[in-house]
Amino acid sequence: MVLGDVLDEQGAAVAKEITGEHGEDRARYVRLDVGREEDWAAAVALAKEAFGRVDGLVNNAGILRFNELTATPLEEFEQVVRVNQVGAFLGIKAVAPEIGEAGGGTIVNTSSYTGVTGMAYVGAYAATKAAVLGLTRVAALELAARNIRVNAVCPGAVDTPMANPGLLDPAGMTEEAREAMADLYRRVVPLGRVGRPEEIARLALFLTSEDSSYITGQPFVIDGGWTAGVSIL
């Protein structure tokens, strides 16, 4: 597999970890700014050189900014659009032809539960994630004849630094702040907790496997029941 990111040190470390466990060249890292077509071209070229073909894509890049919609600067809105929406578009555009040449495969786009419903103070993010769902459906229709399935995962809150910046410096996060976050999820999420990254990864893996061979063009919400409705309990 090829891992792409703009966090070079962390990305290279993950690729090394995946490779090291098996003693063979199973993963490569490439610097990938998803808003740049030339970076996508370089990533595709590396994948073909290293592994011979491209048979799948997980479009997972994303950034989140909290702001009242009418107070959001245009520059901030466009920054979120460039990564979350344009990045997904360019990924599909660059990789789908290669997947088609390989005989087919899968594309999994990361949307969000906010792409299905609304959430205050994340207007730019929600707009881009709704757009990713639109891209997913159109791509599924247009690429089905090439044996390419396209689906979207729509996570709720997940225990990563994007949803919880305190994780960037756990030592600097007070026990009071940690407990306040846990209490929030206990109150708003029916399952009573934040999601785990590996839970989202397993859904993406399912959508890339033969177990989902008759599924395309669909959003899969994975949010602990957050969007199921209003609880009075």
C-alpha atoms as a PDB file:
ATOM      1  CA  MET A   1       0.000   0.000   0.000  1.00  0.00           C
ATOM      2  CA  VAL A   2       0.943   3.639  -0.426  1.00  0.00           C
ATOM      3  CA  LEU A   3       0.305   6.087   2.412  1.00  0.00           C
ATOM      4  CA  GLY A   4       0.017   9.778   1.570  1.00  0.00           C
ATOM      5  CA  ASP A   5       0.046  12.782   3.903  1.00  0.00           C
ATOM      6  CA  VAL A   6       1.709  16.139   4.514  1.00  0.00           C
ATOM      7  CA  LEU A   7       3.005  14.946   7.900  1.00  0.00           C
ATOM      8  CA  ASP A   8       6.175  13.385   6.571  1.00  0.00           C
ATOM      9  CA  GLU A   9       7.726  12.132   9.803  1.00  0.00           C
ATOM     10  CA  GLN A  10       4.540  10.475  11.054  1.00  0.00           C
ATOM     11  CA  GLY A  11       3.626   9.074   7.641  1.00  0.00           C
ATOM     12  CA  ALA A  12       7.040   7.535   7.074  1.00  0.00           C
ATOM     13  CA  ALA A  13       6.965   6.029  10.570  1.00  0.00           C
ATOM     14  CA  VAL A  14       3.625   4.301   9.926  1.00  0.00           C
ATOM     15  CA  ALA A  15       4.870   2.896   6.613  1.00  0.00           C
ATOM     16  CA  LYS A  16       8.019   1.636   8.335  1.00  0.00           C
ATOM     17  CA  GLU A  17       5.951   0.019  11.091  1.00  0.00           C
ATOM     18  CA  ILE A  18       3.725  -1.804   8.582  1.00  0.00           C
ATOM     19  CA  THR A  19       6.722  -3.000   6.596  1.00  0.00           C
ATOM     20  CA  GLY A  20       8.830  -3.946   9.626  1.00  0.00           C
ATOM     21  CA  GLU A  21       6.335  -6.373  11.034  1.00  0.00           C
ATOM     22  CA  HIS A  22       6.462  -8.527   7.923  1.00  0.00           C
ATOM     23  CA  GLY A  23      10.053  -8.122   6.772  1.00  0.00           C
ATOM     24  CA  GLU A  24       9.039  -7.083   3.278  1.00  0.00           C
ATOM     25  CA  ASP A  25       8.182  -3.927   1.394  1.00  0.00           C
ATOM     26  CA  ARG A  26       4.466  -3.780   2.129  1.00  0.00           C
ATOM     27  CA  ALA A  27       4.038  -0.012   2.514  1.00  0.00           C
ATOM     28  CA  ARG A  28       5.489   3.138   1.011  1.00  0.00           C
ATOM     29  CA  TYR A  29       5.017   6.721   2.119  1.00  0.00           C
ATOM     30  CA  VAL A  30       4.685   9.653  -0.267  1.00  0.00           C
ATOM     31  CA  ARG A  31       4.148  13.315   0.508  1.00  0.00           C
ATOM     32  CA  LEU A  32       0.667  14.115  -0.746  1.00  0.00           C
ATOM     33  CA  ASP A  33      -1.061  17.471  -0.573  1.00  0.00           C
ATOM     34  CA  VAL A  34      -4.479  16.302  -1.746  1.00  0.00           C
ATOM     35  CA  GLY A  35      -5.301  19.718  -3.201  1.00  0.00           C
ATOM     36  CA  ARG A  36      -2.461  19.469  -5.750  1.00  0.00           C
ATOM     37  CA  GLU A  37      -2.883  17.461  -8.955  1.00  0.00           C
ATOM     38  CA  GLU A  38       0.874  17.016  -9.322  1.00  0.00           C
ATOM     39  CA  ASP A  39       1.071  15.358  -5.900  1.00  0.00           C
ATOM     40  CA  TRP A  40      -1.647  12.893  -6.893  1.00  0.00           C
ATOM     41  CA  ALA A  41       0.209  12.092 -10.119  1.00  0.00           C
ATOM     42  CA  ALA A  42       3.393  11.398  -8.149  1.00  0.00           C
ATOM     43  CA  ALA A  43       1.528   9.162  -5.688  1.00  0.00           C
ATOM     44  CA  VAL A  44      -0.020   7.133  -8.517  1.00  0.00           C
ATOM     45  CA  ALA A  45       3.369   6.784 -10.225  1.00  0.00           C
ATOM     46  CA  LEU A  46       4.963   5.535  -6.990  1.00  0.00           C
ATOM     47  CA  ALA A  47       2.175   3.017  -6.417  1.00  0.00           C
ATOM     48  CA  LYS A  48       2.528   1.581  -9.920  1.00  0.00           C
ATOM     49  CA  GLU A  49       6.316   1.442  -9.664  1.00  0.00           C
ATOM     50  CA  ALA A  50       6.251  -0.249  -6.268  1.00  0.00           C
ATOM     51  CA  PHE A  51       3.282  -2.592  -6.648  1.00  0.00           C
ATOM     52  CA  GLY A  52       2.593  -2.848 -10.385  1.00  0.00           C
ATOM     53  CA  ARG A  53      -0.992  -1.610 -10.342  1.00  0.00           C
ATOM     54  CA  VAL A  54      -3.553   0.399  -8.390  1.00  0.00           C
ATOM     55  CA  ASP A  55      -6.748  -1.364  -7.326  1.00  0.00           C
ATOM     56  CA  GLY A  56      -8.127   0.854  -4.580  1.00  0.00           C
ATOM     57  CA  LEU A  57      -8.247   4.261  -2.935  1.00  0.00           C
ATOM     58  CA  VAL A  58      -9.287   5.445   0.512  1.00  0.00           C
ATOM     59  CA  ASN A  59      -9.855   9.210   0.373  1.00  0.00           C
ATOM     60  CA  ASN A  60      -9.333  10.041   4.037  1.00  0.00           C
ATOM     61  CA  ALA A  61      -7.685  13.475   4.151  1.00  0.00           C
ATOM     62  CA  GLY A  62      -9.642  16.069   6.085  1.00  0.00           C
ATOM     63  CA  ILE A  63      -9.413  19.164   8.256  1.00  0.00           C
ATOM     64  CA  LEU A  64     -11.917  20.657  10.682  1.00  0.00           C
ATOM     65  CA  ARG A  65     -12.419  24.265  11.735  1.00  0.00           C
ATOM     66  CA  PHE A  66     -14.888  25.435  14.378  1.00  0.00           C
ATOM     67  CA  ASN A  67     -16.569  28.745  13.624  1.00  0.00           C
ATOM     68  CA  GLU A  68     -19.981  30.381  13.449  1.00  0.00           C
ATOM     69  CA  LEU A  69     -21.053  30.251   9.808  1.00  0.00           C
ATOM     70  CA  THR A  70     -21.536  33.997   9.309  1.00  0.00           C
ATOM     71  CA  ALA A  71     -18.237  34.698  11.080  1.00  0.00           C
ATOM     72  CA  THR A  72     -16.230  32.239   8.974  1.00  0.00           C
ATOM     73  CA  PRO A  73     -13.600  34.035   6.854  1.00  0.00           C
ATOM     74  CA  LEU A  74     -13.687  33.158   3.161  1.00  0.00           C
ATOM     75  CA  GLU A  75     -10.044  32.049   3.359  1.00  0.00           C
ATOM     76  CA  GLU A  76     -10.893  29.542   6.096  1.00  0.00           C
ATOM     77  CA  PHE A  77     -13.908  28.198   4.184  1.00  0.00           C
ATOM     78  CA  GLU A  78     -11.839  27.779   1.009  1.00  0.00           C
ATOM     79  CA  GLN A  79      -9.059  26.031   2.935  1.00  0.00           C
ATOM     80  CA  VAL A  80     -11.492  23.410   4.214  1.00  0.00           C
ATOM     81  CA  VAL A  81     -13.028  23.014   0.745  1.00  0.00           C
ATOM     82  CA  ARG A  82      -9.614  22.519  -0.841  1.00  0.00           C
ATOM     83  CA  VAL A  83      -8.638  19.656   1.433  1.00  0.00           C
ATOM     84  CA  ASN A  84     -11.953  17.921   2.115  1.00  0.00           C
ATOM     85  CA  GLN A  85     -13.818  18.416  -1.163  1.00  0.00           C
ATOM     86  CA  VAL A  86     -11.271  19.220  -3.865  1.00  0.00           C
ATOM     87  CA  GLY A  87      -8.938  16.590  -2.388  1.00  0.00           C
ATOM     88  CA  ALA A  88     -11.578  13.875  -2.738  1.00  0.00           C
ATOM     89  CA  PHE A  89     -12.379  14.988  -6.286  1.00  0.00           C
ATOM     90  CA  LEU A  90      -8.731  14.977  -7.367  1.00  0.00           C
ATOM     91  CA  GLY A  91      -8.189  11.583  -5.758  1.00  0.00           C
ATOM     92  CA  ILE A  92     -11.037  10.051  -7.731  1.00  0.00           C
ATOM     93  CA  LYS A  93      -9.908  11.779 -10.916  1.00  0.00           C
ATOM     94  CA  ALA A  94      -6.309  10.589 -10.578  1.00  0.00           C
ATOM     95  CA  VAL A  95      -6.870   7.053  -9.353  1.00  0.00           C
ATOM     96  CA  ALA A  96     -10.089   5.837 -11.012  1.00  0.00           C
ATOM     97  CA  PRO A  97      -8.511   5.425 -14.492  1.00  0.00           C
ATOM     98  CA  GLU A  98      -5.718   3.325 -12.969  1.00  0.00           C
ATOM     99  CA  ILE A  99      -8.201   1.147 -11.071  1.00  0.00           C
ATOM    100  CA  GLY A 100     -10.131   0.656 -14.300  1.00  0.00           C
ATOM    101  CA  GLU A 101      -6.983  -0.452 -16.130  1.00  0.00           C
ATOM    102  CA  ALA A 102      -6.294  -2.929 -13.333  1.00  0.00           C
ATOM    103  CA  GLY A 103      -9.666  -4.577 -13.981  1.00  0.00           C
ATOM    104  CA  GLY A 104     -11.636  -2.890 -11.239  1.00  0.00           C
ATOM    105  CA  GLY A 105     -11.515  -2.168  -7.550  1.00  0.00           C
ATOM    106  CA  THR A 106     -12.887   0.145  -4.914  1.00  0.00           C
ATOM    107  CA  ILE A 107     -12.914   3.754  -3.783  1.00  0.00           C
ATOM    108  CA  VAL A 108     -13.885   4.656  -0.223  1.00  0.00           C
ATOM    109  CA  ASN A 109     -14.461   8.331   0.522  1.00  0.00           C
ATOM    110  CA  THR A 110     -14.498   9.656   4.071  1.00  0.00           C
ATOM    111  CA  SER A 111     -17.511  11.876   4.568  1.00  0.00           C
ATOM    112  CA  SER A 112     -19.011  12.515   8.011  1.00  0.00           C
ATOM    113  CA  TYR A 113     -22.258  12.226   9.897  1.00  0.00           C
ATOM    114  CA  THR A 114     -22.349  16.025   9.459  1.00  0.00           C
ATOM    115  CA  GLY A 115     -22.686  15.365   5.728  1.00  0.00           C
ATOM    116  CA  VAL A 116     -25.961  13.595   6.513  1.00  0.00           C
ATOM    117  CA  THR A 117     -27.271  15.968   9.164  1.00  0.00           C
ATOM    118  CA  GLY A 118     -26.256  19.396  10.458  1.00  0.00           C
ATOM    119  CA  MET A 119     -24.054  20.497  13.305  1.00  0.00           C
ATOM    120  CA  ALA A 120     -23.616  24.046  14.522  1.00  0.00           C
ATOM    121  CA  TYR A 121     -20.238  25.799  14.231  1.00  0.00           C
ATOM    122  CA  VAL A 122     -18.788  23.452  11.606  1.00  0.00           C
ATOM    123  CA  GLY A 123     -20.419  24.973   8.509  1.00  0.00           C
ATOM    124  CA  ALA A 124     -17.434  24.685   6.184  1.00  0.00           C
ATOM    125  CA  TYR A 125     -16.745  21.121   7.279  1.00  0.00           C
ATOM    126  CA  ALA A 126     -20.374  20.011   6.975  1.00  0.00           C
ATOM    127  CA  ALA A 127     -20.684  21.591   3.518  1.00  0.00           C
ATOM    128  CA  THR A 128     -17.634  19.738   2.226  1.00  0.00           C
ATOM    129  CA  LYS A 129     -18.707  16.432   3.724  1.00  0.00           C
ATOM    130  CA  ALA A 130     -22.139  16.721   2.100  1.00  0.00           C
ATOM    131  CA  ALA A 131     -20.320  17.416  -1.165  1.00  0.00           C
ATOM    132  CA  VAL A 132     -18.263  14.242  -0.701  1.00  0.00           C
ATOM    133  CA  LEU A 133     -21.510  12.256  -0.561  1.00  0.00           C
ATOM    134  CA  GLY A 134     -22.578  13.829  -3.854  1.00  0.00           C
ATOM    135  CA  LEU A 135     -19.235  12.964  -5.428  1.00  0.00           C
ATOM    136  CA  THR A 136     -19.555   9.409  -4.131  1.00  0.00           C
ATOM    137  CA  ARG A 137     -22.944   8.858  -5.750  1.00  0.00           C
ATOM    138  CA  VAL A 138     -21.933  10.365  -9.087  1.00  0.00           C
ATOM    139  CA  ALA A 139     -18.666   8.412  -9.167  1.00  0.00           C
ATOM    140  CA  ALA A 140     -20.522   5.183  -8.343  1.00  0.00           C
ATOM    141  CA  LEU A 141     -22.853   5.731 -11.293  1.00  0.00           C
ATOM    142  CA  GLU A 142     -20.144   6.701 -13.765  1.00  0.00           C
ATOM    143  CA  LEU A 143     -17.544   4.116 -12.731  1.00  0.00           C
ATOM    144  CA  ALA A 144     -19.740   1.027 -12.312  1.00  0.00           C
ATOM    145  CA  ALA A 145     -19.158   0.032 -15.952  1.00  0.00           C
ATOM    146  CA  ARG A 146     -15.409  -0.126 -15.187  1.00  0.00           C
ATOM    147  CA  ASN A 147     -16.063  -2.479 -12.260  1.00  0.00           C
ATOM    148  CA  ILE A 148     -15.244   0.212  -9.709  1.00  0.00           C
ATOM    149  CA  ARG A 149     -17.363   0.433  -6.583  1.00  0.00           C
ATOM    150  CA  VAL A 150     -17.515   3.756  -4.724  1.00  0.00           C
ATOM    151  CA  ASN A 151     -18.876   4.184  -1.207  1.00  0.00           C
ATOM    152  CA  ALA A 152     -18.560   6.616   1.685  1.00  0.00           C
ATOM    153  CA  VAL A 153     -18.023   6.209   5.397  1.00  0.00           C
ATOM    154  CA  CYS A 154     -19.677   8.826   7.605  1.00  0.00           C
ATOM    155  CA  PRO A 155     -18.076   8.784  11.060  1.00  0.00           C
ATOM    156  CA  GLY A 156     -19.339  10.609  14.094  1.00  0.00           C
ATOM    157  CA  ALA A 157     -16.863  11.876  16.655  1.00  0.00           C
ATOM    158  CA  VAL A 158     -13.715   9.745  16.624  1.00  0.00           C
ATOM    159  CA  ASP A 159     -10.942   9.806  19.211  1.00  0.00           C
ATOM    160  CA  THR A 160      -8.338  11.575  17.093  1.00  0.00           C
ATOM    161  CA  PRO A 161      -6.617  14.975  17.407  1.00  0.00           C
ATOM    162  CA  MET A 162      -8.971  16.418  14.752  1.00  0.00           C
ATOM    163  CA  ALA A 163     -11.987  15.957  17.033  1.00  0.00           C
ATOM    164  CA  ASN A 164     -10.032  16.329  20.262  1.00  0.00           C
ATOM    165  CA  PRO A 165      -6.991  18.657  19.903  1.00  0.00           C
ATOM    166  CA  GLY A 166      -5.980  17.764  23.450  1.00  0.00           C
ATOM    167  CA  LEU A 167      -4.620  14.483  22.125  1.00  0.00           C
ATOM    168  CA  LEU A 168      -1.799  16.397  20.448  1.00  0.00           C
ATOM    169  CA  ASP A 169      -0.423  17.027  23.938  1.00  0.00           C
ATOM    170  CA  PRO A 170      -1.971  14.494  26.340  1.00  0.00           C
ATOM    171  CA  ALA A 171       0.287  15.700  29.132  1.00  0.00           C
ATOM    172  CA  GLY A 172      -1.188  19.183  28.801  1.00  0.00           C
ATOM    173  CA  MET A 173      -4.803  17.989  28.983  1.00  0.00           C
ATOM    174  CA  THR A 174      -6.161  18.188  32.511  1.00  0.00           C
ATOM    175  CA  GLU A 175      -8.137  15.359  34.069  1.00  0.00           C
ATOM    176  CA  GLU A 176     -11.055  17.775  34.355  1.00  0.00           C
ATOM    177  CA  ALA A 177     -11.005  18.471  30.596  1.00  0.00           C
ATOM    178  CA  ARG A 178     -10.684  14.750  29.841  1.00  0.00           C
ATOM    179  CA  GLU A 179     -13.666  13.915  32.005  1.00  0.00           C
ATOM    180  CA  ALA A 180     -15.701  16.763  30.475  1.00  0.00           C
ATOM    181  CA  MET A 181     -15.126  15.289  27.008  1.00  0.00           C
ATOM    182  CA  ALA A 182     -16.127  11.821  28.185  1.00  0.00           C
ATOM    183  CA  ASP A 183     -19.256  13.215  29.840  1.00  0.00           C
ATOM    184  CA  LEU A 184     -20.237  14.996  26.630  1.00  0.00           C
ATOM    185  CA  TYR A 185     -20.129  11.760  24.660  1.00  0.00           C
ATOM    186  CA  ARG A 186     -21.996   9.889  27.389  1.00  0.00           C
ATOM    187  CA  ARG A 187     -24.825  12.408  27.042  1.00  0.00           C
ATOM    188  CA  VAL A 188     -25.073  12.805  23.260  1.00  0.00           C
ATOM    189  CA  VAL A 189     -24.019   9.411  21.899  1.00  0.00           C
ATOM    190  CA  PRO A 190     -26.432   6.504  22.564  1.00  0.00           C
ATOM    191  CA  LEU A 191     -23.534   4.053  22.888  1.00  0.00           C
ATOM    192  CA  GLY A 192     -22.086   6.406  25.488  1.00  0.00           C
ATOM    193  CA  ARG A 193     -18.593   6.933  24.109  1.00  0.00           C
ATOM    194  CA  VAL A 194     -16.480   8.419  21.343  1.00  0.00           C
ATOM    195  CA  GLY A 195     -15.597   6.231  18.350  1.00  0.00           C
ATOM    196  CA  ARG A 196     -12.230   4.533  17.951  1.00  0.00           C
ATOM    197  CA  PRO A 197     -10.082   4.924  14.804  1.00  0.00           C
ATOM    198  CA  GLU A 198      -9.852   1.155  14.340  1.00  0.00           C
ATOM    199  CA  GLU A 199     -13.654   0.911  14.203  1.00  0.00           C
ATOM    200  CA  ILE A 200     -13.755   3.278  11.247  1.00  0.00           C
ATOM    201  CA  ALA A 201     -10.832   1.448   9.633  1.00  0.00           C
ATOM    202  CA  ARG A 202     -12.689  -1.862   9.826  1.00  0.00           C
ATOM    203  CA  LEU A 203     -15.671  -0.371   7.995  1.00  0.00           C
ATOM    204  CA  ALA A 204     -13.382   0.975   5.255  1.00  0.00           C
ATOM    205  CA  LEU A 205     -11.759  -2.454   5.025  1.00  0.00           C
ATOM    206  CA  PHE A 206     -15.172  -4.100   4.620  1.00  0.00           C
ATOM    207  CA  LEU A 207     -16.014  -1.701   1.780  1.00  0.00           C
ATOM    208  CA  THR A 208     -12.780  -2.616  -0.016  1.00  0.00           C
ATOM    209  CA  SER A 209     -13.333  -6.357   0.348  1.00  0.00           C
ATOM    210  CA  GLU A 210     -15.313  -8.931  -1.609  1.00  0.00           C
ATOM    211  CA  ASP A 211     -17.756  -9.094   1.296  1.00  0.00           C
ATOM    212  CA  SER A 212     -19.235  -5.823  -0.003  1.00  0.00           C
ATOM    213  CA  SER A 213     -19.147  -6.815  -3.684  1.00  0.00           C
ATOM    214  CA  TYR A 214     -22.758  -5.765  -4.368  1.00  0.00           C
ATOM    215  CA  ILE A 215     -22.595  -2.421  -2.571  1.00  0.00           C
ATOM    216  CA  THR A 216     -21.863   0.870  -4.339  1.00  0.00           C
ATOM    217  CA  GLY A 217     -22.932   4.498  -4.139  1.00  0.00           C
ATOM    218  CA  GLN A 218     -23.878   4.292  -0.472  1.00  0.00           C
ATOM    219  CA  PRO A 219     -23.139   6.296   2.692  1.00  0.00           C
ATOM    220  CA  PHE A 220     -22.391   4.253   5.811  1.00  0.00           C
ATOM    221  CA  VAL A 221     -22.950   6.162   9.035  1.00  0.00           C
ATOM    222  CA  ILE A 222     -20.791   4.947  11.920  1.00  0.00           C
ATOM    223  CA  ASP A 223     -21.522   7.259  14.832  1.00  0.00           C
ATOM    224  CA  GLY A 224     -22.594   5.209  17.850  1.00  0.00           C
ATOM    225  CA  GLY A 225     -26.206   6.115  17.167  1.00  0.00           C
ATOM    226  CA  TRP A 226     -25.703   9.893  17.329  1.00  0.00           C
ATOM    227  CA  THR A 227     -27.931  10.566  14.295  1.00  0.00           C
ATOM    228  CA  ALA A 228     -30.596   8.012  15.237  1.00  0.00           C
ATOM    229  CA  GLY A 229     -32.750  10.643  16.940  1.00  0.00           C
ATOM    230  CA  VAL A 230     -33.293  12.546  20.152  1.00  0.00           C
ATOM    231  CA  SER A 231     -33.071  10.617  23.404  1.00  0.00           C
ATOM    232  CA  ILE A 232     -35.211  11.657  26.381  1.00  0.00           C
ATOM    233  CA  LEU A 233     -33.492   9.254  28.754  1.00  0.00           C
END
